[in-house]
Amino acid sequence: MSIFIDSFNKLKIRTVTILITLIIQCLTPCKGGIISMREVIIYQGENSYWVAECPSLPGCVSQGKNREDAIKNIKEAISCYIHALEQDNLPVPEERFDIMVVAV
């Protein structure tokens, strides 16, 4: 029973960490100097690097040695991603997804 409780407590801590990182919003300049907000998921990956993903822009992923670097890098990646779409006259996907935690 003790192992189950320890595992559950670790899951709760991890879930709270994920929730906190899910609500980080990136402000990125786009066409006409307008600022857009994007939801970003940040988590610790391999070798202590932090990984940042923007789910509304498929394949838009970056990383950094710490959270601050990962956020700075994903902002640049989002800006470049949107700029490339605009240069090719392609539609920029809208930001639209829900955040939730599922207990398993």
C-alpha atoms as a PDB file:
ATOM      1  CA  MET A   1       0.000   0.000   0.000  1.00  0.00           C
ATOM      2  CA  SER A   2       2.884   2.341   0.809  1.00  0.00           C
ATOM      3  CA  ILE A   3       4.314   1.946  -2.705  1.00  0.00           C
ATOM      4  CA  PHE A   4       0.938   2.859  -4.210  1.00  0.00           C
ATOM      5  CA  ILE A   5       0.665   5.990  -2.027  1.00  0.00           C
ATOM      6  CA  ASP A   6       4.226   7.069  -2.887  1.00  0.00           C
ATOM      7  CA  SER A   7       3.517   6.581  -6.592  1.00  0.00           C
ATOM      8  CA  PHE A   8       0.236   8.488  -6.304  1.00  0.00           C
ATOM      9  CA  ASN A   9       1.932  11.410  -4.525  1.00  0.00           C
ATOM     10  CA  LYS A  10       4.606  11.555  -7.235  1.00  0.00           C
ATOM     11  CA  LEU A  11       1.831  11.535  -9.855  1.00  0.00           C
ATOM     12  CA  LYS A  12       0.070  14.417  -8.091  1.00  0.00           C
ATOM     13  CA  ILE A  13       3.272  16.461  -8.030  1.00  0.00           C
ATOM     14  CA  ARG A  14       3.932  15.689 -11.702  1.00  0.00           C
ATOM     15  CA  THR A  15       0.329  16.561 -12.598  1.00  0.00           C
ATOM     16  CA  VAL A  16       0.550  19.918 -10.830  1.00  0.00           C
ATOM     17  CA  THR A  17       3.850  20.636 -12.602  1.00  0.00           C
ATOM     18  CA  ILE A  18       2.280  19.792 -15.947  1.00  0.00           C
ATOM     19  CA  LEU A  19      -0.740  21.994 -15.239  1.00  0.00           C
ATOM     20  CA  ILE A  20       1.459  24.928 -14.307  1.00  0.00           C
ATOM     21  CA  THR A  21       3.528  24.557 -17.464  1.00  0.00           C
ATOM     22  CA  LEU A  22       0.477  24.111 -19.679  1.00  0.00           C
ATOM     23  CA  ILE A  23      -0.864  27.538 -18.845  1.00  0.00           C
ATOM     24  CA  ILE A  24       2.277  29.388 -19.895  1.00  0.00           C
ATOM     25  CA  GLN A  25       1.368  31.612 -22.797  1.00  0.00           C
ATOM     26  CA  CYS A  26       3.765  32.792 -25.455  1.00  0.00           C
ATOM     27  CA  LEU A  27       3.382  36.227 -26.953  1.00  0.00           C
ATOM     28  CA  THR A  28       4.792  36.236 -30.456  1.00  0.00           C
ATOM     29  CA  PRO A  29       4.826  38.962 -33.102  1.00  0.00           C
ATOM     30  CA  CYS A  30       3.207  38.088 -36.399  1.00  0.00           C
ATOM     31  CA  LYS A  31       1.971  39.820 -39.540  1.00  0.00           C
ATOM     32  CA  GLY A  32       1.587  43.555 -39.152  1.00  0.00           C
ATOM     33  CA  GLY A  33       3.348  43.570 -35.776  1.00  0.00           C
ATOM     34  CA  ILE A  34       0.295  42.105 -34.050  1.00  0.00           C
ATOM     35  CA  ILE A  35       1.004  40.005 -30.981  1.00  0.00           C
ATOM     36  CA  SER A  36      -0.544  36.542 -30.821  1.00  0.00           C
ATOM     37  CA  MET A  37      -0.884  34.275 -27.804  1.00  0.00           C
ATOM     38  CA  ARG A  38      -0.139  30.566 -28.052  1.00  0.00           C
ATOM     39  CA  GLU A  39      -0.425  27.834 -25.458  1.00  0.00           C
ATOM     40  CA  VAL A  40       2.870  26.058 -24.818  1.00  0.00           C
ATOM     41  CA  ILE A  41       3.633  22.781 -23.065  1.00  0.00           C
ATOM     42  CA  ILE A  42       6.943  22.698 -21.227  1.00  0.00           C
ATOM     43  CA  TYR A  43       8.485  19.645 -19.628  1.00  0.00           C
ATOM     44  CA  GLN A  44      11.894  18.396 -18.597  1.00  0.00           C
ATOM     45  CA  GLY A  45      13.343  16.111 -21.242  1.00  0.00           C
ATOM     46  CA  GLU A  46      16.546  14.113 -21.465  1.00  0.00           C
ATOM     47  CA  ASN A  47      19.842  15.337 -20.010  1.00  0.00           C
ATOM     48  CA  SER A  48      18.035  17.931 -17.854  1.00  0.00           C
ATOM     49  CA  TYR A  49      17.078  20.010 -20.897  1.00  0.00           C
ATOM     50  CA  TRP A  50      13.616  21.572 -20.982  1.00  0.00           C
ATOM     51  CA  VAL A  51      11.423  20.898 -24.017  1.00  0.00           C
ATOM     52  CA  ALA A  52       8.749  23.337 -25.207  1.00  0.00           C
ATOM     53  CA  GLU A  53       6.010  22.501 -27.715  1.00  0.00           C
ATOM     54  CA  CYS A  54       3.247  24.547 -29.280  1.00  0.00           C
ATOM     55  CA  PRO A  55       0.389  22.079 -29.964  1.00  0.00           C
ATOM     56  CA  SER A  56      -1.537  24.454 -32.244  1.00  0.00           C
ATOM     57  CA  LEU A  57       1.442  24.580 -34.618  1.00  0.00           C
ATOM     58  CA  PRO A  58       2.274  20.947 -35.507  1.00  0.00           C
ATOM     59  CA  GLY A  59       5.990  20.240 -35.264  1.00  0.00           C
ATOM     60  CA  CYS A  60       6.803  23.520 -33.527  1.00  0.00           C
ATOM     61  CA  VAL A  61       9.164  22.300 -30.795  1.00  0.00           C
ATOM     62  CA  SER A  62      12.207  23.809 -29.118  1.00  0.00           C
ATOM     63  CA  GLN A  63      14.349  23.281 -26.019  1.00  0.00           C
ATOM     64  CA  GLY A  64      16.672  25.025 -23.600  1.00  0.00           C
ATOM     65  CA  LYS A  65      19.084  24.316 -20.762  1.00  0.00           C
ATOM     66  CA  ASN A  66      16.511  25.782 -18.359  1.00  0.00           C
ATOM     67  CA  ARG A  67      12.845  26.825 -18.445  1.00  0.00           C
ATOM     68  CA  GLU A  68      13.650  30.427 -19.314  1.00  0.00           C
ATOM     69  CA  ASP A  69      15.790  29.407 -22.303  1.00  0.00           C
ATOM     70  CA  ALA A  70      13.109  26.972 -23.476  1.00  0.00           C
ATOM     71  CA  ILE A  71      10.455  29.705 -23.324  1.00  0.00           C
ATOM     72  CA  LYS A  72      12.689  32.182 -25.151  1.00  0.00           C
ATOM     73  CA  ASN A  73      13.490  29.570 -27.818  1.00  0.00           C
ATOM     74  CA  ILE A  74       9.860  28.475 -28.347  1.00  0.00           C
ATOM     75  CA  LYS A  75       8.823  32.118 -28.782  1.00  0.00           C
ATOM     76  CA  GLU A  76      11.375  32.425 -31.575  1.00  0.00           C
ATOM     77  CA  ALA A  77      10.282  29.087 -33.083  1.00  0.00           C
ATOM     78  CA  ILE A  78       6.611  30.159 -33.038  1.00  0.00           C
ATOM     79  CA  SER A  79       7.460  33.498 -34.623  1.00  0.00           C
ATOM     80  CA  CYS A  80       9.503  31.803 -37.388  1.00  0.00           C
ATOM     81  CA  TYR A  81       6.801  29.172 -37.948  1.00  0.00           C
ATOM     82  CA  ILE A  82       4.083  31.810 -38.377  1.00  0.00           C
ATOM     83  CA  HIS A  83       6.337  33.949 -40.562  1.00  0.00           C
ATOM     84  CA  ALA A  84       7.064  30.977 -42.859  1.00  0.00           C
ATOM     85  CA  LEU A  85       3.333  30.244 -43.221  1.00  0.00           C
ATOM     86  CA  GLU A  86       2.621  33.901 -44.033  1.00  0.00           C
ATOM     87  CA  GLN A  87       5.467  34.002 -46.581  1.00  0.00           C
ATOM     88  CA  ASP A  88       3.929  31.000 -48.350  1.00  0.00           C
ATOM     89  CA  ASN A  89       0.422  32.521 -48.150  1.00  0.00           C
ATOM     90  CA  LEU A  90      -0.758  29.607 -46.017  1.00  0.00           C
ATOM     91  CA  PRO A  91      -3.317  29.973 -43.228  1.00  0.00           C
ATOM     92  CA  VAL A  92      -1.984  30.275 -39.690  1.00  0.00           C
ATOM     93  CA  PRO A  93      -3.754  27.729 -37.459  1.00  0.00           C
ATOM     94  CA  GLU A  94      -5.886  29.259 -34.745  1.00  0.00           C
ATOM     95  CA  GLU A  95      -5.176  28.569 -31.109  1.00  0.00           C
ATOM     96  CA  ARG A  96      -7.859  26.197 -29.858  1.00  0.00           C
ATOM     97  CA  PHE A  97      -7.496  23.320 -27.481  1.00  0.00           C
ATOM     98  CA  ASP A  98      -8.584  22.533 -23.954  1.00  0.00           C
ATOM     99  CA  ILE A  99      -6.342  21.744 -21.019  1.00  0.00           C
ATOM    100  CA  MET A 100      -7.357  19.017 -18.628  1.00  0.00           C
ATOM    101  CA  VAL A 101      -5.899  16.448 -16.312  1.00  0.00           C
ATOM    102  CA  VAL A 102      -7.113  12.877 -16.588  1.00  0.00           C
ATOM    103  CA  ALA A 103      -6.764  10.551 -13.619  1.00  0.00           C
ATOM    104  CA  VAL A 104      -5.811   7.047 -14.688  1.00  0.00           C
END
